[in-house]
Protein backbone atom coordinates (compact mmCIF):
# COMPACT_ATOMS: atom_id res chain seq x y z
CA MET A 1 28.36 20.63 -26.42
CA ASN A 2 31.54 20.10 -24.44
CA SER A 3 34.85 18.47 -25.72
CA THR A 4 35.51 14.80 -24.89
CA GLU A 5 39.12 16.08 -23.59
CA LYS A 6 38.43 17.50 -20.88
CA THR A 7 34.64 16.64 -20.06
CA LEU A 8 33.74 12.79 -17.99
CA ILE A 9 31.12 11.84 -20.75
CA ARG A 10 28.44 10.03 -18.76
CA ILE A 11 26.20 6.64 -20.63
CA LEU A 12 22.77 4.88 -19.85
CA VAL A 13 23.00 1.60 -20.96
CA VAL A 14 19.80 0.39 -22.03
CA ASP A 15 19.13 -3.21 -23.73
CA ASP A 16 17.48 -6.59 -21.90
CA HIS A 17 20.17 -8.84 -21.77
CA THR A 18 21.70 -8.24 -18.44
CA LEU A 19 25.50 -10.15 -19.85
CA PHE A 20 25.57 -7.61 -23.04
CA ARG A 21 24.93 -4.76 -19.93
CA ARG A 22 27.67 -5.74 -18.16
CA GLY A 23 29.72 -6.66 -20.96
CA LEU A 24 29.17 -3.13 -22.60
CA THR A 25 29.87 -1.34 -19.32
CA ALA A 26 32.99 -2.99 -19.44
CA LEU A 27 34.37 -2.10 -22.58
CA LEU A 28 32.84 1.66 -22.23
CA SER A 29 34.34 1.53 -18.67
CA ARG A 30 38.19 0.94 -20.63
CA ASP A 31 38.00 4.80 -22.30
CA PRO A 32 39.24 7.20 -18.88
CA GLN A 33 36.37 9.89 -20.34
CA LEU A 34 33.58 7.37 -20.74
CA THR A 35 32.00 6.03 -17.17
CA VAL A 36 28.18 4.38 -17.84
CA VAL A 37 26.52 5.54 -14.36
CA GLY A 38 23.33 4.02 -14.83
CA ASP A 39 21.38 0.65 -16.89
CA ALA A 40 17.86 -0.51 -17.81
CA ALA A 41 16.15 -3.60 -19.21
CA ASP A 42 13.24 -1.86 -20.88
CA ALA A 43 11.80 1.35 -21.43
CA GLY A 44 9.77 2.04 -18.45
CA GLN A 45 13.45 1.88 -16.37
CA ALA A 46 15.16 3.67 -18.79
CA LEU A 47 12.93 6.78 -18.20
CA ARG A 48 13.42 6.61 -14.44
CA LYS A 49 17.03 6.41 -15.36
CA ALA A 50 17.67 8.82 -17.87
CA GLN A 51 15.25 11.59 -15.65
CA GLU A 52 17.70 10.64 -12.67
CA LEU A 53 20.41 10.26 -13.69
CA GLN A 54 20.81 13.27 -16.46
CA PRO A 55 22.98 11.32 -18.84
CA ASP A 56 24.88 12.28 -21.55
CA VAL A 57 24.57 9.58 -24.42
CA ILE A 58 22.00 6.71 -23.41
CA LEU A 59 22.72 4.20 -25.43
CA LEU A 60 19.87 2.23 -26.34
CA ASP A 61 18.40 -1.04 -28.63
CA ASN A 62 15.66 -1.51 -30.00
CA HIS A 63 14.54 -5.01 -29.21
CA LEU A 64 13.18 -4.55 -25.64
CA PRO A 65 10.06 -6.12 -23.65
CA GLY A 66 7.51 -3.61 -23.41
CA VAL A 67 8.22 -0.86 -25.79
CA ASN A 68 10.55 -0.58 -28.56
CA GLY A 69 13.58 1.27 -28.20
CA VAL A 70 12.43 3.57 -31.28
CA ASP A 71 9.38 4.19 -30.04
CA ALA A 72 10.66 5.14 -26.41
CA VAL A 73 13.57 7.97 -28.19
CA PRO A 74 10.58 10.70 -27.65
CA SER A 75 10.16 9.81 -23.67
CA LEU A 76 14.04 9.66 -23.01
CA ARG A 77 14.41 12.53 -24.98
CA GLU A 78 11.66 14.79 -22.91
CA VAL A 79 12.70 13.26 -19.79
CA ALA A 80 16.53 13.71 -20.43
CA PRO A 81 16.84 16.58 -23.15
CA GLU A 82 20.50 17.29 -23.01
CA ALA A 83 21.20 13.56 -23.59
CA CYS A 84 21.90 12.17 -26.76
CA VAL A 85 20.24 8.86 -27.58
CA LEU A 86 22.34 6.58 -29.80
CA MET A 87 20.80 3.98 -30.93
CA LEU A 88 22.58 0.12 -30.95
CA THR A 89 20.90 -2.28 -31.58
CA ILE A 90 21.16 -5.74 -34.19
CA SER A 91 17.83 -3.47 -36.56
CA GLU A 92 18.57 -3.83 -39.77
CA ASP A 93 15.26 -2.48 -40.76
CA GLU A 94 14.82 1.30 -42.26
CA SER A 95 11.82 2.15 -41.25
CA ASP A 96 13.68 2.00 -37.48
CA LEU A 97 16.54 3.94 -38.67
CA LEU A 98 13.67 6.21 -40.28
CA ALA A 99 11.65 5.99 -36.51
CA ALA A 100 14.58 6.62 -34.26
CA LEU A 101 16.14 9.80 -36.23
CA GLN A 102 12.76 11.34 -36.79
CA GLY A 103 11.92 11.08 -32.97
CA GLY A 104 14.61 12.90 -32.37
CA ALA A 105 17.62 10.36 -32.09
CA CYS A 106 21.65 11.33 -33.00
CA GLY A 107 22.52 8.53 -34.42
CA TYR A 108 21.96 4.83 -35.23
CA LEU A 109 24.13 1.76 -34.43
CA LEU A 110 24.89 -1.97 -35.01
CA LYS A 111 26.46 -4.23 -32.15
CA THR A 112 28.18 -5.46 -35.27
CA MET A 113 31.19 -3.18 -34.28
CA GLU A 114 34.12 -2.87 -32.82
CA GLY A 115 34.71 -1.50 -29.69
CA ASP A 116 36.77 0.98 -30.74
CA GLU A 117 34.60 1.71 -32.94
CA LEU A 118 31.55 2.37 -30.68
CA THR A 119 33.21 4.92 -28.83
CA ALA A 120 34.65 6.76 -30.97
CA ALA A 121 30.86 7.04 -32.06
CA VAL A 122 30.01 8.09 -28.53
CA ARG A 123 32.45 11.17 -27.95
CA ARG A 124 31.05 12.45 -31.68
CA ALA A 125 27.90 11.93 -30.88
CA PHE A 126 28.43 14.02 -27.40
CA GLN A 127 30.64 16.48 -29.31
CA GLY A 128 27.10 17.15 -31.65
CA ASP A 129 27.66 14.99 -35.01
CA THR A 130 24.45 12.69 -36.13
CA ILE A 131 25.75 9.61 -36.80
CA VAL A 132 24.83 6.49 -38.71
CA ALA A 133 26.35 3.14 -39.38
CA PRO A 134 27.90 2.56 -42.49
CA GLU A 135 25.84 -0.33 -43.97
CA MET A 136 22.77 2.23 -42.77
CA MET A 137 23.27 4.69 -45.73
CA GLY A 138 21.73 3.01 -48.60
CA LYS A 139 18.90 2.52 -46.30
CA LEU A 140 18.83 5.58 -45.14
CA VAL A 141 18.51 6.98 -48.55
CA ALA A 142 15.56 5.10 -49.54
CA ALA A 143 14.10 5.99 -46.53
CA TYR A 144 14.58 9.50 -47.51
CA ARG A 145 12.52 8.83 -50.42
CA GLY A 146 9.46 7.08 -48.55
CA VAL A 147 9.05 10.21 -46.66
CA SER A 148 9.82 12.98 -49.13
CA SER A 149 7.72 13.91 -52.36
CA PRO A 150 10.00 13.35 -55.82
CA SER A 151 9.15 17.84 -56.63
CA ALA A 152 9.47 19.40 -52.79
CA ARG A 153 12.59 16.99 -52.13
CA VAL A 154 11.60 17.71 -48.37
CA VAL A 155 13.61 14.87 -45.48
CA GLU A 156 12.44 14.50 -42.16
CA LEU A 157 15.17 13.25 -40.12
CA ASP A 158 16.24 14.15 -37.04
CA GLY A 159 12.84 15.80 -35.74
CA ALA A 160 13.95 19.60 -36.61
CA PRO A 161 11.87 21.47 -38.77
CA THR A 162 11.88 19.93 -42.80
CA LYS A 163 12.62 21.99 -45.64
CA PRO A 164 13.11 21.40 -49.72
CA MET A 165 16.78 19.90 -50.07
CA PRO A 166 19.73 21.67 -52.62
CA GLY A 167 20.02 20.13 -55.51
CA ASP A 168 23.19 19.48 -58.26
CA SER A 169 23.92 24.04 -58.28
CA ALA A 170 24.72 23.48 -54.61
CA LEU A 171 26.82 20.24 -54.88
CA SER A 172 28.49 22.25 -57.51
CA SER A 173 29.60 24.99 -55.33
CA LEU A 174 31.67 22.47 -53.91
CA SER A 175 35.92 23.05 -54.23
CA PRO A 176 37.40 19.25 -54.69
CA ARG A 177 38.26 18.63 -51.53
CA GLU A 178 34.99 19.64 -49.91
CA LEU A 179 33.22 16.75 -52.27
CA ASP A 180 36.31 14.22 -51.69
CA ILE A 181 35.29 14.41 -47.15
CA LEU A 182 31.29 14.90 -48.57
CA ARG A 183 31.74 11.16 -50.19
CA GLY A 184 33.97 10.31 -46.85
CA ILE A 185 30.22 11.95 -45.04
CA ALA A 186 28.51 9.43 -46.93
CA ARG A 187 30.21 6.59 -46.36
CA GLY A 188 30.02 7.04 -42.45
CA ALA A 189 33.61 8.11 -41.95
CA SER A 190 34.78 10.34 -39.06
CA ASN A 191 36.71 13.47 -39.81
CA LYS A 192 39.72 11.28 -37.95
CA GLU A 193 39.31 8.69 -40.79
CA ILE A 194 38.59 11.06 -43.50
CA ALA A 195 41.69 13.31 -42.04
CA ARG A 196 43.92 9.95 -42.31
CA GLU A 197 42.68 9.36 -46.05
CA TYR A 198 43.86 12.55 -47.16
CA GLY A 199 46.70 13.07 -45.50
CA ILE A 200 45.41 16.13 -43.53
CA VAL A 201 44.56 17.61 -39.66
CA GLU A 202 41.47 16.41 -38.17
CA THR A 203 40.60 20.40 -37.51
CA THR A 204 40.96 21.05 -41.38
CA VAL A 205 38.15 18.33 -41.87
CA LYS A 206 36.12 20.01 -39.48
CA ILE A 207 36.41 23.06 -40.94
CA HIS A 208 35.86 21.69 -43.85
CA VAL A 209 32.87 20.57 -42.92
CA GLN A 210 31.51 23.33 -41.38
CA HIS A 211 31.66 25.21 -45.07
CA ILE A 212 29.92 21.58 -46.33
CA LEU A 213 27.28 22.08 -44.48
CA ARG A 214 26.87 25.52 -44.65
CA LYS A 215 27.11 25.51 -48.56
CA LEU A 216 24.59 22.54 -49.00
CA GLY A 217 22.14 24.53 -46.67
CA VAL A 218 21.12 21.02 -44.63
CA SER A 219 22.00 20.59 -40.85
CA SER A 220 24.03 17.66 -39.91
CA ARG A 221 26.06 15.79 -41.75
CA VAL A 222 23.25 12.71 -41.99
CA HIS A 223 21.66 15.28 -44.68
CA ALA A 224 24.72 15.65 -45.57
CA ALA A 225 24.99 11.97 -46.92
CA VAL A 226 21.89 11.53 -47.81
CA LEU A 227 22.21 14.32 -50.18
CA ALA A 228 25.71 13.40 -51.41
CA THR A 229 24.20 9.81 -52.64
CA GLU A 230 20.58 10.48 -53.71
CA HIS A 231 23.15 13.02 -56.52
CA GLY A 232 25.65 10.46 -57.24
CA VAL A 233 28.63 11.80 -55.57
CA LEU A 234 30.69 8.10 -54.37
């Protein structure tokens, strides 16, 4: 992904409530690096707009008329393969969370979040992060337990090939600072928030995150968060 500092992030808003779409568009437009290039009220419109506009980020509600948002994620990824699909919904159902991530969504956000948190999440998604609302992290672990065998310890989250999750030996390879940052990841904190908490620069946090993912043998922050929670790192 290109740096958000240099690239305008083009967004497609998908929600069946007209007033919410307008309000969300106005909110996002306050940030000069974000622009809403289109909106849609249902999955069919979303597919047509996504194919036509090829946005960078698709903000997708789940409760749409006809086809639910989580069910539309794979089709949206097919017609706009470069787009990040971010769920933005009131649904706190763990099955919706799991279905969205399995379908290829790059994040799952709740409509109760603050406006500045949403714009930050859009930026992080554009940069390649997988973002899950902090309130949903416990349910992510529950969903993980529901799709994995205790012996195989398999994770099926973002459509990537599944593989065994590492255990205590991998966690023991982390330094004290890396464990601190892993706890932050598991809480759903951004790199900036973690940097502020520990009095270090954001670039240093990014480097630590790369080391953590490599040592744990996982491909995303979500996988690392699941592992941390499962092993009681929090």
